[in-house]
Protein backbone atom coordinates (compact mmCIF):
# COMPACT_ATOMS: atom_id res chain seq x y z
CA MET A 1 172.68 107.92 155.39
CA SER A 2 170.49 110.30 153.56
CA ASP A 3 167.17 111.77 154.54
CA GLU A 4 165.60 110.60 151.34
CA THR A 5 162.99 107.94 151.66
CA PRO A 6 162.73 105.49 148.85
CA LYS A 7 159.90 106.35 146.45
CA ALA A 8 157.14 103.81 146.09
CA ASP A 9 157.09 102.14 142.74
CA GLY A 10 153.88 103.21 140.86
CA ALA A 11 153.99 100.35 138.35
CA PRO A 12 151.50 98.07 140.12
CA ARG A 13 149.02 100.95 140.51
CA ARG A 14 149.40 101.94 136.85
CA ASN A 15 148.95 98.35 135.72
CA PHE A 16 145.78 98.07 137.80
CA LEU A 17 144.34 101.32 136.41
CA THR A 18 145.19 100.27 132.85
CA ALA A 19 143.53 96.89 133.38
CA MET A 20 140.39 98.51 134.91
CA GLY A 21 140.21 101.01 132.05
CA ALA A 22 140.36 98.14 129.53
CA VAL A 23 137.58 96.26 131.38
CA VAL A 24 135.34 99.36 131.45
CA ALA A 25 135.98 100.11 127.76
CA ALA A 26 135.24 96.50 126.77
CA GLY A 27 132.06 96.55 128.86
CA LEU A 28 130.85 99.76 127.23
CA ALA A 29 131.68 98.42 123.76
CA GLY A 30 129.68 95.26 124.47
CA VAL A 31 126.58 97.08 125.73
CA ALA A 32 125.51 98.47 122.33
CA PRO A 33 125.26 95.10 120.52
CA VAL A 34 123.49 93.51 123.46
CA LEU A 35 120.91 96.31 123.60
CA ALA A 36 120.42 96.15 119.82
CA GLY A 37 119.87 92.39 120.04
CA ILE A 38 117.32 92.76 122.83
CA ALA A 39 115.47 95.48 120.90
CA THR A 40 115.35 93.25 117.79
CA LEU A 41 114.17 90.27 119.81
CA LEU A 42 111.37 92.22 121.49
CA ASP A 43 110.31 94.21 118.39
CA PRO A 44 107.43 91.90 117.35
CA LEU A 45 106.01 92.07 120.87
CA ARG A 46 105.70 95.85 120.82
CA ARG A 47 103.92 95.90 117.47
CA SER A 48 100.23 95.33 117.13
CA SER A 49 98.13 94.55 114.09
CA ASP A 50 96.78 98.10 114.29
CA ASP A 51 100.24 99.39 113.36
CA GLN A 52 99.67 98.50 109.71
CA PRO A 53 99.33 101.74 107.76
CA MET A 54 96.76 102.26 105.05
CA VAL A 55 98.25 102.12 101.53
CA LEU A 56 96.88 103.57 98.33
CA VAL A 57 95.90 100.74 95.98
CA THR A 58 94.04 102.36 93.10
CA LYS A 59 91.56 104.99 92.00
CA LEU A 60 87.87 104.29 92.55
CA ALA A 61 87.09 104.71 88.84
CA VAL A 62 89.34 101.70 88.04
CA VAL A 63 87.18 99.32 90.13
CA PRO A 64 84.28 98.30 87.85
CA ASP A 65 80.75 98.36 89.24
CA ASP A 66 79.76 94.98 87.75
CA GLY A 67 80.20 93.13 91.09
CA ILE A 68 83.08 91.02 89.80
CA PRO A 69 86.26 91.11 91.90
CA ARG A 70 89.39 92.53 90.31
CA LYS A 71 92.94 91.76 91.39
CA PHE A 72 95.22 94.67 92.33
CA THR A 73 98.88 94.64 93.35
CA VAL A 74 99.60 96.35 96.66
CA THR A 75 102.80 98.37 96.78
CA ALA A 76 104.36 100.05 99.78
CA ASP A 77 107.66 101.48 100.93
CA ARG A 78 109.79 98.87 102.70
CA VAL A 79 112.60 99.87 105.04
CA ASP A 80 115.41 97.72 106.36
CA ALA A 81 118.27 98.82 108.55
CA TRP A 82 120.05 100.73 105.79
CA THR A 83 117.82 101.14 102.75
CA THR A 84 114.34 102.33 101.82
CA TYR A 85 112.76 100.49 98.90
CA GLN A 86 110.01 102.65 97.42
CA ASN A 87 106.86 101.25 95.79
CA THR A 88 107.79 97.61 96.36
CA PRO A 89 105.09 94.97 95.71
CA VAL A 90 104.06 93.54 99.09
CA GLY A 91 101.01 91.51 98.06
CA ALA A 92 97.73 91.61 96.19
CA VAL A 93 94.04 92.05 96.91
CA TYR A 94 90.71 91.54 95.21
CA LEU A 95 88.53 94.65 95.17
CA THR A 96 84.80 94.44 94.50
CA ARG A 97 82.23 97.21 94.32
CA THR A 98 79.25 96.42 96.52
CA PRO A 99 76.11 98.42 97.32
CA ASP A 100 77.85 99.44 100.57
CA GLY A 101 81.11 100.56 98.95
CA ILE A 102 84.25 98.50 98.28
CA GLN A 103 85.05 95.05 99.65
CA CYS A 104 88.71 94.06 99.88
CA LEU A 105 89.91 90.44 100.16
CA ASN A 106 93.50 89.25 100.52
CA VAL A 107 94.47 86.90 97.66
CA VAL A 108 96.22 84.46 100.03
CA CYS A 109 94.26 81.29 100.82
CA PRO A 110 93.68 80.92 104.58
CA HIS A 111 94.28 77.17 104.32
CA ALA A 112 97.88 76.83 103.12
CA GLY A 113 98.94 80.27 101.92
CA CYS A 114 98.61 79.75 98.16
CA PHE A 115 97.27 82.53 95.93
CA VAL A 116 93.54 82.19 95.26
CA ASN A 117 92.38 82.71 91.66
CA LEU A 118 89.11 83.92 90.26
CA ALA A 119 87.56 80.85 88.61
CA PRO A 120 86.70 80.92 84.90
CA GLY A 121 83.38 82.63 84.43
CA ALA A 122 83.99 84.68 87.61
CA THR A 123 81.55 82.55 89.59
CA HIS A 124 83.79 81.88 92.60
CA PHE A 125 87.38 81.89 93.89
CA ALA A 126 89.41 78.68 93.71
CA CYS A 127 92.65 77.77 95.43
CA PRO A 128 94.88 75.76 93.10
CA CYS A 129 96.73 74.02 95.94
CA HIS A 130 94.07 72.13 97.89
CA ARG A 131 90.82 72.87 96.08
CA SER A 132 89.39 75.32 98.59
CA GLN A 133 86.50 77.24 97.04
CA PHE A 134 85.14 80.62 98.10
CA ALA A 135 82.09 82.61 97.03
CA LEU A 136 82.69 86.02 95.45
CA ASP A 137 82.15 87.64 98.87
CA GLY A 138 85.00 85.50 100.31
CA THR A 139 82.89 83.04 102.31
CA ILE A 140 83.60 79.31 102.03
CA ALA A 141 81.56 78.02 99.07
CA ASP A 142 82.18 74.30 99.38
CA PRO A 143 81.47 72.61 102.74
CA ALA A 144 84.20 70.06 101.95
CA SER A 145 86.74 72.86 101.59
CA PRO A 146 89.87 72.31 103.68
CA SER A 147 90.11 76.04 104.48
CA PRO A 148 89.54 76.72 108.19
CA ARG A 149 88.02 80.17 107.53
CA ALA A 150 86.74 82.47 104.83
CA MET A 151 89.10 84.61 102.77
CA ASP A 152 90.65 87.39 104.83
CA GLU A 153 88.77 90.66 104.45
CA LEU A 154 90.85 93.81 104.88
CA ASP A 155 89.90 97.31 105.98
CA VAL A 156 89.30 99.68 103.09
CA GLU A 157 88.68 103.44 102.94
CA ILE A 158 87.74 105.82 100.16
CA ARG A 159 89.79 109.00 100.55
CA ASN A 160 89.64 112.26 98.63
CA GLY A 161 86.52 110.98 96.91
CA ASP A 162 88.39 108.77 94.43
CA GLU A 163 91.26 106.91 96.14
CA VAL A 164 90.97 103.34 97.44
CA TRP A 165 93.17 102.84 100.51
CA VAL A 166 93.65 99.42 102.13
CA ARG A 167 95.14 98.31 105.46
CA PHE A 168 97.14 95.49 103.89
CA GLN A 169 98.32 92.63 106.06
CA ASN A 170 98.78 88.89 105.86
CA PHE A 171 97.47 86.34 108.33
CA GLN A 172 98.75 82.93 109.42
CA PRO A 173 97.37 80.17 107.23
CA GLY A 174 95.76 77.09 108.75
CA GLN A 175 94.27 78.94 111.75
CA GLU A 176 90.53 79.10 112.45
CA HIS A 177 90.78 82.79 113.44
CA LYS A 178 92.76 85.54 111.74
CA VAL A 179 96.18 85.82 113.39
CA PRO A 180 98.20 88.70 111.88
CA ILE A 181 101.73 88.03 110.67
CA VAL A 182 103.86 90.85 112.00
């Protein structure tokens, strides 16, 4: 008989360590998509309506001082996960010179989300979808109007003496109060 003791077979231990390594690697690989999904799901909750940046709409000289609203396209840079789209149309506004400065109204009807038009003769705004009518200052002109609120007024600033900047945002149609769409 020899003094050698039989060596323990390391195969079960190696198989266990290999299996544990695979479980840990799979767990780590699964964490990234789960965290990305949670971040995407919670993203609207962390935003507020104050997060909307001001965008340059036009020069002050382009807005006539006759008190009649003029329609302007709003463009902004849009970013998705991979691409930045520069100067993309994101909506439109009516700008009117007033004695106090510039009034800015969103063109979207607060009733059903259709685009409001300036009526012939520029006497009022009219929604082609459900016959809502608004005065030139955006208030409801017809008491029988189905719109639950006046046209949505947006924040406007004059910068550098001749630039009209607007905090453009849309609001949920059909609501009595302005609820921002984020």
